[in-house]
Amino acid sequence: MATLTYLKDVVTLTLDEELCIGCALCEIVCPHAVFTVDDRIAVIGDRDACMECGACARNCPTDAIYVKVGVGCAAAVISGALGIESACCCVDEPEQKVTEESESSCNCC
């Protein structure tokens, strides 16, 4: 099965392997199978398949996973379908670029 890439090389997903206890909850709740558990440690497979829904981080009992929820999720899917390059909600017009000013007032970037 082919994986869907939301925003190439910008996913905020990180995993602290030292905190991971290998419970596999991330693997169970991830809708895009980004995680696998190998030798009692979670492993991030295709980071670009992550849609940043936050299910993994919310369910991790040791807070070993961090993801900035909403950065890629629905905005990326909708923008991609509309042919808009930027998937950030901080830009009002498709041709605008994200600036430090717009980013600092934004909840998603």
PDB file of N, CA and C in Angstrom:
ATOM      1  N   MET A   1       0.837  -1.176   0.000  1.00  0.00           N
ATOM      2  CA  MET A   1       0.000   0.000   0.000  1.00  0.00           C
ATOM      3  C   MET A   1       0.887   1.246   0.000  1.00  0.00           C
ATOM      4  N   ALA A   2       0.613   2.175  -0.880  1.00  0.00           N
ATOM      5  CA  ALA A   2       1.382   3.422  -0.963  1.00  0.00           C
ATOM      6  C   ALA A   2       0.975   4.352   0.169  1.00  0.00           C
ATOM      7  N   THR A   3       1.957   5.080   0.702  1.00  0.00           N
ATOM      8  CA  THR A   3       1.643   6.029   1.767  1.00  0.00           C
ATOM      9  C   THR A   3       1.451   7.412   1.176  1.00  0.00           C
ATOM     10  N   LEU A   4       0.633   8.182   1.844  1.00  0.00           N
ATOM     11  CA  LEU A   4       0.339   9.540   1.430  1.00  0.00           C
ATOM     12  C   LEU A   4       1.310  10.483   2.122  1.00  0.00           C
ATOM     13  N   THR A   5       1.969  11.338   1.367  1.00  0.00           N
ATOM     14  CA  THR A   5       2.863  12.334   1.937  1.00  0.00           C
ATOM     15  C   THR A   5       2.103  13.631   2.044  1.00  0.00           C
ATOM     16  N   TYR A   6       2.105  14.222   3.230  1.00  0.00           N
ATOM     17  CA  TYR A   6       1.382  15.459   3.450  1.00  0.00           C
ATOM     18  C   TYR A   6       2.260  16.658   3.126  1.00  0.00           C
ATOM     19  N   LEU A   7       3.265  16.894   3.902  1.00  0.00           N
ATOM     20  CA  LEU A   7       4.204  17.988   3.662  1.00  0.00           C
ATOM     21  C   LEU A   7       5.598  17.400   3.766  1.00  0.00           C
ATOM     22  N   LYS A   8       6.316  17.348   2.677  1.00  0.00           N
ATOM     23  CA  LYS A   8       7.615  16.690   2.642  1.00  0.00           C
ATOM     24  C   LYS A   8       8.627  17.407   3.525  1.00  0.00           C
ATOM     25  N   ASP A   9       9.290  16.642   4.366  1.00  0.00           N
ATOM     26  CA  ASP A   9      10.401  17.095   5.211  1.00  0.00           C
ATOM     27  C   ASP A   9      10.067  18.228   6.174  1.00  0.00           C
ATOM     28  N   VAL A  10       8.830  18.363   6.612  1.00  0.00           N
ATOM     29  CA  VAL A  10       8.499  19.405   7.588  1.00  0.00           C
ATOM     30  C   VAL A  10       7.731  18.874   8.796  1.00  0.00           C
ATOM     31  N   VAL A  11       7.517  17.602   8.860  1.00  0.00           N
ATOM     32  CA  VAL A  11       6.750  17.021   9.954  1.00  0.00           C
ATOM     33  C   VAL A  11       7.447  17.281  11.287  1.00  0.00           C
ATOM     34  N   THR A  12       6.684  17.653  12.285  1.00  0.00           N
ATOM     35  CA  THR A  12       7.241  17.995  13.593  1.00  0.00           C
ATOM     36  C   THR A  12       7.396  16.779  14.506  1.00  0.00           C
ATOM     37  N   LEU A  13       7.072  15.616  14.043  1.00  0.00           N
ATOM     38  CA  LEU A  13       7.092  14.394  14.837  1.00  0.00           C
ATOM     39  C   LEU A  13       8.501  14.040  15.310  1.00  0.00           C
ATOM     40  N   THR A  14       8.643  13.847  16.626  1.00  0.00           N
ATOM     41  CA  THR A  14       9.911  13.376  17.185  1.00  0.00           C
ATOM     42  C   THR A  14       9.632  12.293  18.216  1.00  0.00           C
ATOM     43  N   LEU A  15      10.617  11.455  18.430  1.00  0.00           N
ATOM     44  CA  LEU A  15      10.508  10.361  19.382  1.00  0.00           C
ATOM     45  C   LEU A  15      11.761  10.335  20.244  1.00  0.00           C
ATOM     46  N   ASP A  16      11.567  10.337  21.554  1.00  0.00           N
ATOM     47  CA  ASP A  16      12.672  10.216  22.494  1.00  0.00           C
ATOM     48  C   ASP A  16      12.787   8.737  22.866  1.00  0.00           C
ATOM     49  N   GLU A  17      13.720   8.046  22.242  1.00  0.00           N
ATOM     50  CA  GLU A  17      13.862   6.602  22.442  1.00  0.00           C
ATOM     51  C   GLU A  17      14.193   6.245  23.890  1.00  0.00           C
ATOM     52  N   GLU A  18      14.833   7.149  24.617  1.00  0.00           N
ATOM     53  CA  GLU A  18      15.174   6.880  26.013  1.00  0.00           C
ATOM     54  C   GLU A  18      13.927   6.822  26.897  1.00  0.00           C
ATOM     55  N   LEU A  19      12.885   7.547  26.521  1.00  0.00           N
ATOM     56  CA  LEU A  19      11.644   7.536  27.300  1.00  0.00           C
ATOM     57  C   LEU A  19      10.694   6.415  26.863  1.00  0.00           C
ATOM     58  N   CYS A  20      10.885   5.898  25.664  1.00  0.00           N
ATOM     59  CA  CYS A  20       9.980   4.885  25.111  1.00  0.00           C
ATOM     60  C   CYS A  20      10.091   3.578  25.895  1.00  0.00           C
ATOM     61  N   ILE A  21       8.921   3.012  26.246  1.00  0.00           N
ATOM     62  CA  ILE A  21       8.877   1.732  26.961  1.00  0.00           C
ATOM     63  C   ILE A  21       8.380   0.595  26.069  1.00  0.00           C
ATOM     64  N   GLY A  22       8.144   0.884  24.796  1.00  0.00           N
ATOM     65  CA  GLY A  22       7.744  -0.156  23.855  1.00  0.00           C
ATOM     66  C   GLY A  22       6.335  -0.678  24.036  1.00  0.00           C
ATOM     67  N   CYS A  23       5.438   0.148  24.549  1.00  0.00           N
ATOM     68  CA  CYS A  23       4.056  -0.293  24.810  1.00  0.00           C
ATOM     69  C   CYS A  23       3.251  -0.498  23.530  1.00  0.00           C
ATOM     70  N   ALA A  24       3.684   0.088  22.427  1.00  0.00           N
ATOM     71  CA  ALA A  24       3.058  -0.041  21.099  1.00  0.00           C
ATOM     72  C   ALA A  24       1.752   0.723  20.942  1.00  0.00           C
ATOM     73  N   LEU A  25       1.388   1.582  21.893  1.00  0.00           N
ATOM     74  CA  LEU A  25       0.173   2.373  21.725  1.00  0.00           C
ATOM     75  C   LEU A  25       0.271   3.285  20.510  1.00  0.00           C
ATOM     76  N   CYS A  26       1.439   3.835  20.249  1.00  0.00           N
ATOM     77  CA  CYS A  26       1.610   4.697  19.079  1.00  0.00           C
ATOM     78  C   CYS A  26       1.333   3.922  17.786  1.00  0.00           C
ATOM     79  N   GLU A  27       1.820   2.716  17.747  1.00  0.00           N
ATOM     80  CA  GLU A  27       1.610   1.864  16.572  1.00  0.00           C
ATOM     81  C   GLU A  27       0.128   1.539  16.392  1.00  0.00           C
ATOM     82  N   ILE A  28      -0.568   1.341  17.480  1.00  0.00           N
ATOM     83  CA  ILE A  28      -1.988   0.989  17.446  1.00  0.00           C
ATOM     84  C   ILE A  28      -2.849   2.168  17.000  1.00  0.00           C
ATOM     85  N   VAL A  29      -2.568   3.374  17.513  1.00  0.00           N
ATOM     86  CA  VAL A  29      -3.458   4.510  17.248  1.00  0.00           C
ATOM     87  C   VAL A  29      -3.107   5.312  15.995  1.00  0.00           C
ATOM     88  N   CYS A  30      -1.933   5.127  15.438  1.00  0.00           N
ATOM     89  CA  CYS A  30      -1.528   5.912  14.266  1.00  0.00           C
ATOM     90  C   CYS A  30      -2.331   5.502  13.029  1.00  0.00           C
ATOM     91  N   PRO A  31      -3.092   6.430  12.443  1.00  0.00           N
ATOM     92  CA  PRO A  31      -3.917   6.084  11.287  1.00  0.00           C
ATOM     93  C   PRO A  31      -3.120   5.848  10.006  1.00  0.00           C
ATOM     94  N   HIS A  32      -1.840   6.190   9.999  1.00  0.00           N
ATOM     95  CA  HIS A  32      -1.026   6.016   8.794  1.00  0.00           C
ATOM     96  C   HIS A  32       0.155   5.084   9.013  1.00  0.00           C
ATOM     97  N   ALA A  33       0.119   4.309  10.079  1.00  0.00           N
ATOM     98  CA  ALA A  33       1.144   3.300  10.366  1.00  0.00           C
ATOM     99  C   ALA A  33       2.561   3.867  10.296  1.00  0.00           C
ATOM    100  N   VAL A  34       2.749   5.036  10.879  1.00  0.00           N
ATOM    101  CA  VAL A  34       4.064   5.671  10.894  1.00  0.00           C
ATOM    102  C   VAL A  34       5.012   4.930  11.843  1.00  0.00           C
ATOM    103  N   PHE A  35       4.459   4.330  12.900  1.00  0.00           N
ATOM    104  CA  PHE A  35       5.269   3.670  13.920  1.00  0.00           C
ATOM    105  C   PHE A  35       5.251   2.153  13.790  1.00  0.00           C
ATOM    106  N   THR A  36       6.372   1.560  14.153  1.00  0.00           N
ATOM    107  CA  THR A  36       6.455   0.128  14.406  1.00  0.00           C
ATOM    108  C   THR A  36       7.223  -0.008  15.717  1.00  0.00           C
ATOM    109  N   VAL A  37       7.085  -1.146  16.354  1.00  0.00           N
ATOM    110  CA  VAL A  37       7.846  -1.394  17.572  1.00  0.00           C
ATOM    111  C   VAL A  37       8.831  -2.507  17.265  1.00  0.00           C
ATOM    112  N   ASP A  38      10.096  -2.201  17.503  1.00  0.00           N
ATOM    113  CA  ASP A  38      11.171  -3.144  17.218  1.00  0.00           C
ATOM    114  C   ASP A  38      12.020  -3.288  18.469  1.00  0.00           C
ATOM    115  N   ASP A  39      12.106  -4.495  18.981  1.00  0.00           N
ATOM    116  CA  ASP A  39      12.917  -4.778  20.170  1.00  0.00           C
ATOM    117  C   ASP A  39      12.512  -3.884  21.345  1.00  0.00           C
ATOM    118  N   ARG A  40      11.199  -3.748  21.559  1.00  0.00           N
ATOM    119  CA  ARG A  40      10.604  -2.974  22.662  1.00  0.00           C
ATOM    120  C   ARG A  40      10.887  -1.480  22.607  1.00  0.00           C
ATOM    121  N   ILE A  41      11.150  -0.961  21.407  1.00  0.00           N
ATOM    122  CA  ILE A  41      11.344   0.481  21.213  1.00  0.00           C
ATOM    123  C   ILE A  41      10.553   0.881  19.967  1.00  0.00           C
ATOM    124  N   ALA A  42       9.798   1.973  20.071  1.00  0.00           N
ATOM    125  CA  ALA A  42       9.069   2.476  18.899  1.00  0.00           C
ATOM    126  C   ALA A  42      10.072   3.008  17.875  1.00  0.00           C
ATOM    127  N   VAL A  43       9.713   2.854  16.617  1.00  0.00           N
ATOM    128  CA  VAL A  43      10.538   3.330  15.510  1.00  0.00           C
ATOM    129  C   VAL A  43       9.648   4.125  14.566  1.00  0.00           C
ATOM    130  N   ILE A  44      10.108   5.308  14.177  1.00  0.00           N
ATOM    131  CA  ILE A  44       9.377   6.100  13.190  1.00  0.00           C
ATOM    132  C   ILE A  44       9.799   5.614  11.820  1.00  0.00           C
ATOM    133  N   GLY A  45       8.830   5.153  11.038  1.00  0.00           N
ATOM    134  CA  GLY A  45       9.114   4.693   9.681  1.00  0.00           C
ATOM    135  C   GLY A  45       9.172   5.868   8.722  1.00  0.00           C
ATOM    136  N   ASP A  46       8.107   6.113   8.013  1.00  0.00           N
ATOM    137  CA  ASP A  46       8.023   7.214   7.045  1.00  0.00           C
ATOM    138  C   ASP A  46       7.458   8.448   7.734  1.00  0.00           C
ATOM    139  N   ARG A  47       8.327   9.346   8.196  1.00  0.00           N
ATOM    140  CA  ARG A  47       7.891  10.561   8.889  1.00  0.00           C
ATOM    141  C   ARG A  47       6.943  11.383   8.032  1.00  0.00           C
ATOM    142  N   ASP A  48       7.165  11.401   6.721  1.00  0.00           N
ATOM    143  CA  ASP A  48       6.337  12.213   5.837  1.00  0.00           C
ATOM    144  C   ASP A  48       4.908  11.680   5.700  1.00  0.00           C
ATOM    145  N   ALA A  49       4.662  10.466   6.165  1.00  0.00           N
ATOM    146  CA  ALA A  49       3.303   9.922   6.146  1.00  0.00           C
ATOM    147  C   ALA A  49       2.494  10.429   7.338  1.00  0.00           C
ATOM    148  N   CYS A  50       3.163  11.041   8.300  1.00  0.00           N
ATOM    149  CA  CYS A  50       2.492  11.559   9.485  1.00  0.00           C
ATOM    150  C   CYS A  50       1.602  12.742   9.112  1.00  0.00           C
ATOM    151  N   MET A  51       0.345  12.699   9.545  1.00  0.00           N
ATOM    152  CA  MET A  51      -0.564  13.806   9.265  1.00  0.00           C
ATOM    153  C   MET A  51      -0.710  14.731  10.465  1.00  0.00           C
ATOM    154  N   GLU A  52       0.114  14.504  11.476  1.00  0.00           N
ATOM    155  CA  GLU A  52       0.184  15.346  12.664  1.00  0.00           C
ATOM    156  C   GLU A  52      -1.152  15.478  13.390  1.00  0.00           C
ATOM    157  N   CYS A  53      -1.849  14.367  13.498  1.00  0.00           N
ATOM    158  CA  CYS A  53      -3.130  14.367  14.212  1.00  0.00           C
ATOM    159  C   CYS A  53      -2.922  14.388  15.725  1.00  0.00           C
ATOM    160  N   GLY A  54      -1.781  13.885  16.188  1.00  0.00           N
ATOM    161  CA  GLY A  54      -1.462  13.911  17.607  1.00  0.00           C
ATOM    162  C   GLY A  54      -1.910  12.697  18.398  1.00  0.00           C
ATOM    163  N   ALA A  55      -2.523  11.720  17.750  1.00  0.00           N
ATOM    164  CA  ALA A  55      -3.001  10.538  18.469  1.00  0.00           C
ATOM    165  C   ALA A  55      -1.865   9.809  19.177  1.00  0.00           C
ATOM    166  N   CYS A  56      -0.725   9.721  18.547  1.00  0.00           N
ATOM    167  CA  CYS A  56       0.415   9.028  19.150  1.00  0.00           C
ATOM    168  C   CYS A  56       0.884   9.726  20.418  1.00  0.00           C
ATOM    169  N   ALA A  57       1.045  11.031  20.361  1.00  0.00           N
ATOM    170  CA  ALA A  57       1.533  11.791  21.516  1.00  0.00           C
ATOM    171  C   ALA A  57       0.519  11.772  22.654  1.00  0.00           C
ATOM    172  N   ARG A  58      -0.767  11.882  22.326  1.00  0.00           N
ATOM    173  CA  ARG A  58      -1.800  11.866  23.364  1.00  0.00           C
ATOM    174  C   ARG A  58      -1.878  10.523  24.073  1.00  0.00           C
ATOM    175  N   ASN A  59      -1.521   9.467  23.393  1.00  0.00           N
ATOM    176  CA  ASN A  59      -1.632   8.131  23.973  1.00  0.00           C
ATOM    177  C   ASN A  59      -0.331   7.588  24.541  1.00  0.00           C
ATOM    178  N   CYS A  60       0.760   8.289  24.376  1.00  0.00           N
ATOM    179  CA  CYS A  60       2.048   7.814  24.886  1.00  0.00           C
ATOM    180  C   CYS A  60       2.109   8.023  26.402  1.00  0.00           C
ATOM    181  N   PRO A  61       2.217   6.941  27.168  1.00  0.00           N
ATOM    182  CA  PRO A  61       2.195   7.069  28.626  1.00  0.00           C
ATOM    183  C   PRO A  61       3.455   7.700  29.222  1.00  0.00           C
ATOM    184  N   THR A  62       4.529   7.781  28.456  1.00  0.00           N
ATOM    185  CA  THR A  62       5.783   8.339  28.986  1.00  0.00           C
ATOM    186  C   THR A  62       6.163   9.660  28.324  1.00  0.00           C
ATOM    187  N   ASP A  63       5.289  10.217  27.498  1.00  0.00           N
ATOM    188  CA  ASP A  63       5.565  11.463  26.767  1.00  0.00           C
ATOM    189  C   ASP A  63       6.833  11.374  25.926  1.00  0.00           C
ATOM    190  N   ALA A  64       7.062  10.212  25.339  1.00  0.00           N
ATOM    191  CA  ALA A  64       8.238  10.005  24.491  1.00  0.00           C
ATOM    192  C   ALA A  64       8.041  10.567  23.090  1.00  0.00           C
ATOM    193  N   ILE A  65       6.807  10.909  22.751  1.00  0.00           N
ATOM    194  CA  ILE A  65       6.492  11.387  21.401  1.00  0.00           C
ATOM    195  C   ILE A  65       6.037  12.834  21.460  1.00  0.00           C
ATOM    196  N   TYR A  66       6.555  13.622  20.539  1.00  0.00           N
ATOM    197  CA  TYR A  66       6.114  15.010  20.405  1.00  0.00           C
ATOM    198  C   TYR A  66       5.706  15.233  18.960  1.00  0.00           C
ATOM    199  N   VAL A  67       4.599  15.911  18.772  1.00  0.00           N
ATOM    200  CA  VAL A  67       4.171  16.363  17.453  1.00  0.00           C
ATOM    201  C   VAL A  67       3.354  17.624  17.652  1.00  0.00           C
ATOM    202  N   LYS A  68       3.602  18.619  16.857  1.00  0.00           N
ATOM    203  CA  LYS A  68       2.841  19.859  16.922  1.00  0.00           C
ATOM    204  C   LYS A  68       1.559  19.640  16.128  1.00  0.00           C
ATOM    205  N   VAL A  69       0.503  19.369  16.826  1.00  0.00           N
ATOM    206  CA  VAL A  69      -0.767  18.969  16.219  1.00  0.00           C
ATOM    207  C   VAL A  69      -1.318  20.057  15.303  1.00  0.00           C
ATOM    208  N   GLY A  70      -1.758  19.637  14.120  1.00  0.00           N
ATOM    209  CA  GLY A  70      -2.443  20.531  13.203  1.00  0.00           C
ATOM    210  C   GLY A  70      -1.584  21.179  12.152  1.00  0.00           C
ATOM    211  N   VAL A  71      -0.279  21.003  12.212  1.00  0.00           N
ATOM    212  CA  VAL A  71       0.574  21.644  11.216  1.00  0.00           C
ATOM    213  C   VAL A  71       0.317  21.070   9.836  1.00  0.00           C
ATOM    214  N   GLY A  72       0.233  19.771   9.709  1.00  0.00           N
ATOM    215  CA  GLY A  72       0.056  19.161   8.410  1.00  0.00           C
ATOM    216  C   GLY A  72      -1.341  18.683   8.139  1.00  0.00           C
ATOM    217  N   CYS A  73      -1.944  18.137   9.081  1.00  0.00           N
ATOM    218  CA  CYS A  73      -3.246  17.507   9.056  1.00  0.00           C
ATOM    219  C   CYS A  73      -4.186  17.956   7.927  1.00  0.00           C
ATOM    220  N   ALA A  74      -5.323  18.455   8.248  1.00  0.00           N
ATOM    221  CA  ALA A  74      -6.335  18.790   7.245  1.00  0.00           C
ATOM    222  C   ALA A  74      -5.900  19.910   6.320  1.00  0.00           C
ATOM    223  N   ALA A  75      -5.151  20.873   6.841  1.00  0.00           N
ATOM    224  CA  ALA A  75      -4.717  21.992   6.006  1.00  0.00           C
ATOM    225  C   ALA A  75      -3.889  21.521   4.820  1.00  0.00           C
ATOM    226  N   ALA A  76      -3.020  20.557   5.041  1.00  0.00           N
ATOM    227  CA  ALA A  76      -2.184  20.044   3.956  1.00  0.00           C
ATOM    228  C   ALA A  76      -3.007  19.305   2.915  1.00  0.00           C
ATOM    229  N   VAL A  77      -3.948  18.503   3.371  1.00  0.00           N
ATOM    230  CA  VAL A  77      -4.783  17.747   2.446  1.00  0.00           C
ATOM    231  C   VAL A  77      -5.612  18.685   1.583  1.00  0.00           C
ATOM    232  N   ILE A  78      -6.249  19.656   2.215  1.00  0.00           N
ATOM    233  CA  ILE A  78      -7.093  20.594   1.477  1.00  0.00           C
ATOM    234  C   ILE A  78      -6.261  21.453   0.528  1.00  0.00           C
ATOM    235  N   SER A  79      -5.157  21.987   1.026  1.00  0.00           N
ATOM    236  CA  SER A  79      -4.306  22.829   0.182  1.00  0.00           C
ATOM    237  C   SER A  79      -3.752  22.048  -0.990  1.00  0.00           C
ATOM    238  N   GLY A  80      -3.321  20.822  -0.740  1.00  0.00           N
ATOM    239  CA  GLY A  80      -2.807  19.983  -1.814  1.00  0.00           C
ATOM    240  C   GLY A  80      -3.863  19.714  -2.869  1.00  0.00           C
ATOM    241  N   ALA A  81      -5.087  19.434  -2.436  1.00  0.00           N
ATOM    242  CA  ALA A  81      -6.174  19.166  -3.374  1.00  0.00           C
ATOM    243  C   ALA A  81      -6.519  20.398  -4.203  1.00  0.00           C
ATOM    244  N   LEU A  82      -6.325  21.579  -3.606  1.00  0.00           N
ATOM    245  CA  LEU A  82      -6.618  22.824  -4.315  1.00  0.00           C
ATOM    246  C   LEU A  82      -5.426  23.342  -5.116  1.00  0.00           C
ATOM    247  N   GLY A  83      -4.296  22.647  -4.997  1.00  0.00           N
ATOM    248  CA  GLY A  83      -3.095  23.066  -5.725  1.00  0.00           C
ATOM    249  C   GLY A  83      -2.391  24.247  -5.082  1.00  0.00           C
ATOM    250  N   ILE A  84      -2.650  24.485  -3.809  1.00  0.00           N
ATOM    251  CA  ILE A  84      -2.015  25.587  -3.087  1.00  0.00           C
ATOM    252  C   ILE A  84      -0.740  25.068  -2.446  1.00  0.00           C
ATOM    253  N   GLU A  85       0.368  25.780  -2.648  1.00  0.00           N
ATOM    254  CA  GLU A  85       1.659  25.312  -2.148  1.00  0.00           C
ATOM    255  C   GLU A  85       1.751  25.340  -0.635  1.00  0.00           C
ATOM    256  N   SER A  86       1.350  26.413   0.000  1.00  0.00           N
ATOM    257  CA  SER A  86       1.460  26.542   1.448  1.00  0.00           C
ATOM    258  C   SER A  86       0.239  25.928   2.112  1.00  0.00           C
ATOM    259  N   ALA A  87       0.496  25.114   3.125  1.00  0.00           N
ATOM    260  CA  ALA A  87      -0.608  24.514   3.863  1.00  0.00           C
ATOM    261  C   ALA A  87      -0.745  25.137   5.240  1.00  0.00           C
ATOM    262  N   CYS A  88      -0.142  26.274   5.435  1.00  0.00           N
ATOM    263  CA  CYS A  88      -0.171  26.912   6.747  1.00  0.00           C
ATOM    264  C   CYS A  88      -1.385  27.818   6.855  1.00  0.00           C
ATOM    265  N   CYS A  89      -2.027  27.777   8.006  1.00  0.00           N
ATOM    266  CA  CYS A  89      -3.207  28.612   8.199  1.00  0.00           C
ATOM    267  C   CYS A  89      -2.826  30.065   8.482  1.00  0.00           C
ATOM    268  N   CYS A  90      -1.545  30.370   8.562  1.00  0.00           N
ATOM    269  CA  CYS A  90      -1.086  31.734   8.863  1.00  0.00           C
ATOM    270  C   CYS A  90      -1.109  32.639   7.638  1.00  0.00           C
ATOM    271  N   VAL A  91      -1.295  32.064   6.476  1.00  0.00           N
ATOM    272  CA  VAL A  91      -1.301  32.873   5.269  1.00  0.00           C
ATOM    273  C   VAL A  91      -2.723  33.039   4.776  1.00  0.00           C
ATOM    274  N   ASP A  92      -3.086  34.279   4.480  1.00  0.00           N
ATOM    275  CA  ASP A  92      -4.452  34.565   4.049  1.00  0.00           C
ATOM    276  C   ASP A  92      -4.671  34.249   2.579  1.00  0.00           C
ATOM    277  N   GLU A  93      -3.660  34.467   1.787  1.00  0.00           N
ATOM    278  CA  GLU A  93      -3.756  34.232   0.350  1.00  0.00           C
ATOM    279  C   GLU A  93      -2.750  33.169  -0.056  1.00  0.00           C
ATOM    280  N   PRO A  94      -3.077  32.305  -1.039  1.00  0.00           N
ATOM    281  CA  PRO A  94      -2.166  31.239  -1.444  1.00  0.00           C
ATOM    282  C   PRO A  94      -0.788  31.734  -1.871  1.00  0.00           C
ATOM    283  N   GLU A  95      -0.719  32.929  -2.445  1.00  0.00           N
ATOM    284  CA  GLU A  95       0.575  33.405  -2.917  1.00  0.00           C
ATOM    285  C   GLU A  95       1.420  34.055  -1.825  1.00  0.00           C
ATOM    286  N   GLN A  96       0.853  34.234  -0.629  1.00  0.00           N
ATOM    287  CA  GLN A  96       1.603  34.795   0.484  1.00  0.00           C
ATOM    288  C   GLN A  96       2.582  33.771   1.028  1.00  0.00           C
ATOM    289  N   LYS A  97       3.662  34.244   1.592  1.00  0.00           N
ATOM    290  CA  LYS A  97       4.635  33.382   2.244  1.00  0.00           C
ATOM    291  C   LYS A  97       4.519  33.577   3.743  1.00  0.00           C
ATOM    292  N   VAL A  98       4.880  32.558   4.491  1.00  0.00           N
ATOM    293  CA  VAL A  98       4.883  32.662   5.942  1.00  0.00           C
ATOM    294  C   VAL A  98       6.055  33.542   6.351  1.00  0.00           C
ATOM    295  N   THR A  99       5.780  34.536   7.168  1.00  0.00           N
ATOM    296  CA  THR A  99       6.823  35.425   7.675  1.00  0.00           C
ATOM    297  C   THR A  99       6.965  35.213   9.168  1.00  0.00           C
ATOM    298  N   GLU A 100       8.032  35.774   9.752  1.00  0.00           N
ATOM    299  CA  GLU A 100       8.206  35.667  11.190  1.00  0.00           C
ATOM    300  C   GLU A 100       7.018  36.279  11.928  1.00  0.00           C
ATOM    301  N   GLU A 101       6.510  37.371  11.385  1.00  0.00           N
ATOM    302  CA  GLU A 101       5.368  38.055  12.022  1.00  0.00           C
ATOM    303  C   GLU A 101       4.123  37.193  11.988  1.00  0.00           C
ATOM    304  N   SER A 102       3.808  36.625  10.834  1.00  0.00           N
ATOM    305  CA  SER A 102       2.604  35.796  10.739  1.00  0.00           C
ATOM    306  C   SER A 102       2.772  34.511  11.530  1.00  0.00           C
ATOM    307  N   GLU A 103       3.980  33.974  11.564  1.00  0.00           N
ATOM    308  CA  GLU A 103       4.227  32.736  12.284  1.00  0.00           C
ATOM    309  C   GLU A 103       4.096  32.927  13.792  1.00  0.00           C
ATOM    310  N   SER A 104       4.540  34.062  14.286  1.00  0.00           N
ATOM    311  CA  SER A 104       4.505  34.292  15.735  1.00  0.00           C
ATOM    312  C   SER A 104       3.076  34.445  16.251  1.00  0.00           C
ATOM    313  N   SER A 105       2.151  34.838  15.397  1.00  0.00           N
ATOM    314  CA  SER A 105       0.767  34.995  15.837  1.00  0.00           C
ATOM    315  C   SER A 105      -0.092  33.778  15.486  1.00  0.00           C
ATOM    316  N   CYS A 106       0.539  32.754  15.009  1.00  0.00           N
ATOM    317  CA  CYS A 106      -0.178  31.568  14.527  1.00  0.00           C
ATOM    318  C   CYS A 106      -0.114  30.428  15.530  1.00  0.00           C
ATOM    319  N   ASN A 107      -1.168  29.661  15.614  1.00  0.00           N
ATOM    320  CA  ASN A 107      -1.190  28.521  16.514  1.00  0.00           C
ATOM    321  C   ASN A 107      -0.704  27.239  15.861  1.00  0.00           C
ATOM    322  N   CYS A 108      -0.470  27.237  14.552  1.00  0.00           N
ATOM    323  CA  CYS A 108      -0.157  25.981  13.894  1.00  0.00           C
ATOM    324  C   CYS A 108       1.288  25.851  13.434  1.00  0.00           C
ATOM    325  N   CYS A 109       2.015  26.908  13.334  1.00  0.00           N
ATOM    326  CA  CYS A 109       3.355  26.808  12.739  1.00  0.00           C
ATOM    327  C   CYS A 109       4.453  26.973  13.756  1.00  0.00           C
TER     328      CYS A 109
END
